[in-house]
Amino acid sequence: MKDNTKPDIKYAAVLQNEYNYVLAQQITKRLFESGLITKDEFNKITAKNRESFSPLLGRIMPELT
């Protein structure tokens, strides 16, 4: 019988990656909105964040155009 009181380590890692992706994207968005990076740089960083963190929803999110 499986102990359901302990979080599944694989699930916890997936959630941590999702959280890290969201934080990285928030920072990237602030940089873009502040004019510190260009639209092209924003898209490149977004692609790198998706590659680095492998978020579940990141694969279907569109780039900024």
PDB file of N, CA and C in Angstrom:
ATOM      1  N   MET A   1       0.837  -1.171   0.000  1.00  0.00           N
ATOM      2  CA  MET A   1       0.000   0.000   0.000  1.00  0.00           C
ATOM      3  C   MET A   1       0.890   1.245   0.000  1.00  0.00           C
ATOM      4  N   LYS A   2       0.582   2.179  -0.847  1.00  0.00           N
ATOM      5  CA  LYS A   2       1.371   3.399  -0.995  1.00  0.00           C
ATOM      6  C   LYS A   2       1.010   4.402   0.092  1.00  0.00           C
ATOM      7  N   ASP A   3       2.042   5.034   0.649  1.00  0.00           N
ATOM      8  CA  ASP A   3       1.849   6.075   1.654  1.00  0.00           C
ATOM      9  C   ASP A   3       1.521   7.383   0.943  1.00  0.00           C
ATOM     10  N   ASN A   4       0.297   7.837   1.012  1.00  0.00           N
ATOM     11  CA  ASN A   4      -0.147   9.047   0.325  1.00  0.00           C
ATOM     12  C   ASN A   4       0.152  10.330   1.091  1.00  0.00           C
ATOM     13  N   THR A   5       0.784  10.229   2.248  1.00  0.00           N
ATOM     14  CA  THR A   5       1.080  11.426   3.032  1.00  0.00           C
ATOM     15  C   THR A   5       2.363  12.109   2.579  1.00  0.00           C
ATOM     16  N   LYS A   6       3.223  11.401   1.851  1.00  0.00           N
ATOM     17  CA  LYS A   6       4.472  11.968   1.354  1.00  0.00           C
ATOM     18  C   LYS A   6       4.301  12.376  -0.107  1.00  0.00           C
ATOM     19  N   PRO A   7       4.745  13.594  -0.479  1.00  0.00           N
ATOM     20  CA  PRO A   7       4.613  14.002  -1.881  1.00  0.00           C
ATOM     21  C   PRO A   7       5.503  13.167  -2.789  1.00  0.00           C
ATOM     22  N   ASP A   8       5.013  12.890  -3.960  1.00  0.00           N
ATOM     23  CA  ASP A   8       5.777  12.169  -4.960  1.00  0.00           C
ATOM     24  C   ASP A   8       6.945  13.059  -5.393  1.00  0.00           C
ATOM     25  N   ILE A   9       8.162  12.558  -5.309  1.00  0.00           N
ATOM     26  CA  ILE A   9       9.352  13.364  -5.617  1.00  0.00           C
ATOM     27  C   ILE A   9       9.330  13.850  -7.064  1.00  0.00           C
ATOM     28  N   LYS A  10       8.919  13.006  -7.999  1.00  0.00           N
ATOM     29  CA  LYS A  10       8.867  13.421  -9.397  1.00  0.00           C
ATOM     30  C   LYS A  10       7.845  14.545  -9.580  1.00  0.00           C
ATOM     31  N   TYR A  11       6.705  14.439  -8.940  1.00  0.00           N
ATOM     32  CA  TYR A  11       5.674  15.473  -9.024  1.00  0.00           C
ATOM     33  C   TYR A  11       6.175  16.774  -8.413  1.00  0.00           C
ATOM     34  N   ALA A  12       6.893  16.677  -7.308  1.00  0.00           N
ATOM     35  CA  ALA A  12       7.448  17.869  -6.663  1.00  0.00           C
ATOM     36  C   ALA A  12       8.449  18.562  -7.583  1.00  0.00           C
ATOM     37  N   ALA A  13       9.254  17.796  -8.306  1.00  0.00           N
ATOM     38  CA  ALA A  13      10.222  18.373  -9.241  1.00  0.00           C
ATOM     39  C   ALA A  13       9.513  19.074 -10.396  1.00  0.00           C
ATOM     40  N   VAL A  14       8.436  18.504 -10.878  1.00  0.00           N
ATOM     41  CA  VAL A  14       7.661  19.124 -11.954  1.00  0.00           C
ATOM     42  C   VAL A  14       7.080  20.442 -11.470  1.00  0.00           C
ATOM     43  N   LEU A  15       6.516  20.452 -10.273  1.00  0.00           N
ATOM     44  CA  LEU A  15       5.961  21.682  -9.713  1.00  0.00           C
ATOM     45  C   LEU A  15       7.035  22.741  -9.500  1.00  0.00           C
ATOM     46  N   GLN A  16       8.216  22.327  -9.045  1.00  0.00           N
ATOM     47  CA  GLN A  16       9.307  23.273  -8.841  1.00  0.00           C
ATOM     48  C   GLN A  16       9.740  23.881 -10.168  1.00  0.00           C
ATOM     49  N   ASN A  17       9.821  23.076 -11.224  1.00  0.00           N
ATOM     50  CA  ASN A  17      10.164  23.595 -12.550  1.00  0.00           C
ATOM     51  C   ASN A  17       9.121  24.586 -13.039  1.00  0.00           C
ATOM     52  N   GLU A  18       7.849  24.287 -12.818  1.00  0.00           N
ATOM     53  CA  GLU A  18       6.781  25.208 -13.209  1.00  0.00           C
ATOM     54  C   GLU A  18       6.938  26.543 -12.477  1.00  0.00           C
ATOM     55  N   TYR A  19       7.189  26.469 -11.193  1.00  0.00           N
ATOM     56  CA  TYR A  19       7.352  27.668 -10.376  1.00  0.00           C
ATOM     57  C   TYR A  19       8.559  28.477 -10.848  1.00  0.00           C
ATOM     58  N   ASN A  20       9.672  27.800 -11.083  1.00  0.00           N
ATOM     59  CA  ASN A  20      10.880  28.485 -11.555  1.00  0.00           C
ATOM     60  C   ASN A  20      10.650  29.153 -12.911  1.00  0.00           C
ATOM     61  N   TYR A  21       9.914  28.487 -13.771  1.00  0.00           N
ATOM     62  CA  TYR A  21       9.604  29.055 -15.083  1.00  0.00           C
ATOM     63  C   TYR A  21       8.766  30.324 -14.934  1.00  0.00           C
ATOM     64  N   VAL A  22       7.747  30.255 -14.098  1.00  0.00           N
ATOM     65  CA  VAL A  22       6.876  31.416 -13.895  1.00  0.00           C
ATOM     66  C   VAL A  22       7.693  32.595 -13.359  1.00  0.00           C
ATOM     67  N   LEU A  23       8.561  32.353 -12.395  1.00  0.00           N
ATOM     68  CA  LEU A  23       9.387  33.430 -11.852  1.00  0.00           C
ATOM     69  C   LEU A  23      10.315  34.010 -12.913  1.00  0.00           C
ATOM     70  N   ALA A  24      10.959  33.146 -13.679  1.00  0.00           N
ATOM     71  CA  ALA A  24      11.872  33.607 -14.729  1.00  0.00           C
ATOM     72  C   ALA A  24      11.125  34.437 -15.770  1.00  0.00           C
ATOM     73  N   GLN A  25       9.926  34.010 -16.124  1.00  0.00           N
ATOM     74  CA  GLN A  25       9.135  34.754 -17.103  1.00  0.00           C
ATOM     75  C   GLN A  25       8.651  36.084 -16.551  1.00  0.00           C
ATOM     76  N   GLN A  26       8.322  36.134 -15.277  1.00  0.00           N
ATOM     77  CA  GLN A  26       7.913  37.404 -14.674  1.00  0.00           C
ATOM     78  C   GLN A  26       9.064  38.413 -14.720  1.00  0.00           C
ATOM     79  N   ILE A  27      10.250  37.952 -14.420  1.00  0.00           N
ATOM     80  CA  ILE A  27      11.426  38.831 -14.472  1.00  0.00           C
ATOM     81  C   ILE A  27      11.674  39.289 -15.903  1.00  0.00           C
ATOM     82  N   THR A  28      11.596  38.360 -16.841  1.00  0.00           N
ATOM     83  CA  THR A  28      11.810  38.681 -18.250  1.00  0.00           C
ATOM     84  C   THR A  28      10.782  39.697 -18.736  1.00  0.00           C
ATOM     85  N   LYS A  29       9.530  39.506 -18.343  1.00  0.00           N
ATOM     86  CA  LYS A  29       8.472  40.428 -18.747  1.00  0.00           C
ATOM     87  C   LYS A  29       8.724  41.827 -18.186  1.00  0.00           C
ATOM     88  N   ARG A  30       9.162  41.896 -16.932  1.00  0.00           N
ATOM     89  CA  ARG A  30       9.456  43.205 -16.328  1.00  0.00           C
ATOM     90  C   ARG A  30      10.599  43.902 -17.057  1.00  0.00           C
ATOM     91  N   LEU A  31      11.607  43.138 -17.438  1.00  0.00           N
ATOM     92  CA  LEU A  31      12.719  43.720 -18.188  1.00  0.00           C
ATOM     93  C   LEU A  31      12.234  44.290 -19.515  1.00  0.00           C
ATOM     94  N   PHE A  32      11.366  43.543 -20.195  1.00  0.00           N
ATOM     95  CA  PHE A  32      10.823  43.991 -21.474  1.00  0.00           C
ATOM     96  C   PHE A  32       9.956  45.237 -21.290  1.00  0.00           C
ATOM     97  N   GLU A  33       9.061  45.188 -20.329  1.00  0.00           N
ATOM     98  CA  GLU A  33       8.156  46.316 -20.100  1.00  0.00           C
ATOM     99  C   GLU A  33       8.905  47.575 -19.658  1.00  0.00           C
ATOM    100  N   SER A  34      10.050  47.396 -19.037  1.00  0.00           N
ATOM    101  CA  SER A  34      10.870  48.539 -18.608  1.00  0.00           C
ATOM    102  C   SER A  34      11.751  49.069 -19.725  1.00  0.00           C
ATOM    103  N   GLY A  35      11.739  48.380 -20.868  1.00  0.00           N
ATOM    104  CA  GLY A  35      12.547  48.808 -21.999  1.00  0.00           C
ATOM    105  C   GLY A  35      14.006  48.404 -21.905  1.00  0.00           C
ATOM    106  N   LEU A  36      14.320  47.499 -20.986  1.00  0.00           N
ATOM    107  CA  LEU A  36      15.703  47.069 -20.807  1.00  0.00           C
ATOM    108  C   LEU A  36      16.124  45.975 -21.780  1.00  0.00           C
ATOM    109  N   ILE A  37      15.137  45.276 -22.352  1.00  0.00           N
ATOM    110  CA  ILE A  37      15.414  44.284 -23.393  1.00  0.00           C
ATOM    111  C   ILE A  37      14.433  44.496 -24.543  1.00  0.00           C
ATOM    112  N   THR A  38      14.831  44.068 -25.728  1.00  0.00           N
ATOM    113  CA  THR A  38      13.985  44.207 -26.910  1.00  0.00           C
ATOM    114  C   THR A  38      12.996  43.042 -26.999  1.00  0.00           C
ATOM    115  N   LYS A  39      12.049  43.167 -27.922  1.00  0.00           N
ATOM    116  CA  LYS A  39      11.088  42.098 -28.167  1.00  0.00           C
ATOM    117  C   LYS A  39      11.804  40.822 -28.606  1.00  0.00           C
ATOM    118  N   ASP A  40      12.809  40.978 -29.473  1.00  0.00           N
ATOM    119  CA  ASP A  40      13.591  39.831 -29.932  1.00  0.00           C
ATOM    120  C   ASP A  40      14.312  39.161 -28.763  1.00  0.00           C
ATOM    121  N   GLU A  41      14.896  39.955 -27.884  1.00  0.00           N
ATOM    122  CA  GLU A  41      15.571  39.396 -26.708  1.00  0.00           C
ATOM    123  C   GLU A  41      14.575  38.707 -25.792  1.00  0.00           C
ATOM    124  N   PHE A  42      13.407  39.314 -25.630  1.00  0.00           N
ATOM    125  CA  PHE A  42      12.356  38.696 -24.817  1.00  0.00           C
ATOM    126  C   PHE A  42      12.015  37.308 -25.355  1.00  0.00           C
ATOM    127  N   ASN A  43      11.815  37.209 -26.658  1.00  0.00           N
ATOM    128  CA  ASN A  43      11.475  35.917 -27.262  1.00  0.00           C
ATOM    129  C   ASN A  43      12.602  34.905 -27.114  1.00  0.00           C
ATOM    130  N   LYS A  44      13.840  35.350 -27.254  1.00  0.00           N
ATOM    131  CA  LYS A  44      14.982  34.443 -27.089  1.00  0.00           C
ATOM    132  C   LYS A  44      15.093  33.946 -25.658  1.00  0.00           C
ATOM    133  N   ILE A  45      14.901  34.853 -24.695  1.00  0.00           N
ATOM    134  CA  ILE A  45      14.957  34.456 -23.286  1.00  0.00           C
ATOM    135  C   ILE A  45      13.807  33.515 -22.951  1.00  0.00           C
ATOM    136  N   THR A  46      12.622  33.803 -23.490  1.00  0.00           N
ATOM    137  CA  THR A  46      11.466  32.934 -23.269  1.00  0.00           C
ATOM    138  C   THR A  46      11.751  31.526 -23.792  1.00  0.00           C
ATOM    139  N   ALA A  47      12.324  31.441 -24.976  1.00  0.00           N
ATOM    140  CA  ALA A  47      12.668  30.123 -25.538  1.00  0.00           C
ATOM    141  C   ALA A  47      13.677  29.404 -24.646  1.00  0.00           C
ATOM    142  N   LYS A  48      14.654  30.134 -24.142  1.00  0.00           N
ATOM    143  CA  LYS A  48      15.664  29.536 -23.266  1.00  0.00           C
ATOM    144  C   LYS A  48      15.033  29.089 -21.944  1.00  0.00           C
ATOM    145  N   ASN A  49      14.114  29.894 -21.412  1.00  0.00           N
ATOM    146  CA  ASN A  49      13.418  29.508 -20.179  1.00  0.00           C
ATOM    147  C   ASN A  49      12.607  28.234 -20.393  1.00  0.00           C
ATOM    148  N   ARG A  50      11.939  28.142 -21.532  1.00  0.00           N
ATOM    149  CA  ARG A  50      11.154  26.936 -21.822  1.00  0.00           C
ATOM    150  C   ARG A  50      12.055  25.713 -21.950  1.00  0.00           C
ATOM    151  N   GLU A  51      13.214  25.917 -22.554  1.00  0.00           N
ATOM    152  CA  GLU A  51      14.182  24.824 -22.694  1.00  0.00           C
ATOM    153  C   GLU A  51      14.752  24.427 -21.333  1.00  0.00           C
ATOM    154  N   SER A  52      15.078  25.405 -20.514  1.00  0.00           N
ATOM    155  CA  SER A  52      15.713  25.150 -19.217  1.00  0.00           C
ATOM    156  C   SER A  52      14.760  24.507 -18.211  1.00  0.00           C
ATOM    157  N   PHE A  53      13.536  25.016 -18.151  1.00  0.00           N
ATOM    158  CA  PHE A  53      12.605  24.568 -17.120  1.00  0.00           C
ATOM    159  C   PHE A  53      11.592  23.545 -17.600  1.00  0.00           C
ATOM    160  N   SER A  54      11.438  23.378 -18.894  1.00  0.00           N
ATOM    161  CA  SER A  54      10.482  22.434 -19.481  1.00  0.00           C
ATOM    162  C   SER A  54       9.099  22.527 -18.839  1.00  0.00           C
ATOM    163  N   PRO A  55       8.505  23.719 -18.824  1.00  0.00           N
ATOM    164  CA  PRO A  55       7.185  23.833 -18.210  1.00  0.00           C
ATOM    165  C   PRO A  55       6.120  23.137 -19.045  1.00  0.00           C
ATOM    166  N   LEU A  56       5.119  22.610 -18.381  1.00  0.00           N
ATOM    167  CA  LEU A  56       4.053  21.900 -19.089  1.00  0.00           C
ATOM    168  C   LEU A  56       3.276  22.846 -19.998  1.00  0.00           C
ATOM    169  N   LEU A  57       2.919  24.021 -19.509  1.00  0.00           N
ATOM    170  CA  LEU A  57       2.134  24.952 -20.310  1.00  0.00           C
ATOM    171  C   LEU A  57       2.993  25.813 -21.227  1.00  0.00           C
ATOM    172  N   GLY A  58       4.269  25.917 -20.954  1.00  0.00           N
ATOM    173  CA  GLY A  58       5.149  26.748 -21.755  1.00  0.00           C
ATOM    174  C   GLY A  58       5.237  26.320 -23.205  1.00  0.00           C
ATOM    175  N   ARG A  59       5.016  25.062 -23.460  1.00  0.00           N
ATOM    176  CA  ARG A  59       5.110  24.543 -24.826  1.00  0.00           C
ATOM    177  C   ARG A  59       3.979  25.048 -25.721  1.00  0.00           C
ATOM    178  N   ILE A  60       2.861  25.416 -25.117  1.00  0.00           N
ATOM    179  CA  ILE A  60       1.732  25.849 -25.935  1.00  0.00           C
ATOM    180  C   ILE A  60       1.528  27.359 -25.898  1.00  0.00           C
ATOM    181  N   MET A  61       2.325  28.055 -25.113  1.00  0.00           N
ATOM    182  CA  MET A  61       2.195  29.506 -25.027  1.00  0.00           C
ATOM    183  C   MET A  61       2.851  30.159 -26.239  1.00  0.00           C
ATOM    184  N   PRO A  62       2.184  31.167 -26.813  1.00  0.00           N
ATOM    185  CA  PRO A  62       2.759  31.828 -27.985  1.00  0.00           C
ATOM    186  C   PRO A  62       3.874  32.786 -27.614  1.00  0.00           C
ATOM    187  N   GLU A  63       4.712  33.106 -28.588  1.00  0.00           N
ATOM    188  CA  GLU A  63       5.732  34.128 -28.395  1.00  0.00           C
ATOM    189  C   GLU A  63       5.092  35.497 -28.476  1.00  0.00           C
ATOM    190  N   LEU A  64       5.774  36.478 -27.923  1.00  0.00           N
ATOM    191  CA  LEU A  64       5.332  37.849 -28.064  1.00  0.00           C
ATOM    192  C   LEU A  64       5.623  38.300 -29.472  1.00  0.00           C
ATOM    193  N   THR A  65       4.643  38.913 -30.122  1.00  0.00           N
ATOM    194  CA  THR A  65       4.868  39.373 -31.492  1.00  0.00           C
ATOM    195  C   THR A  65       4.774  40.868 -31.588  1.00  0.00           C
TER     196      THR A  65
END
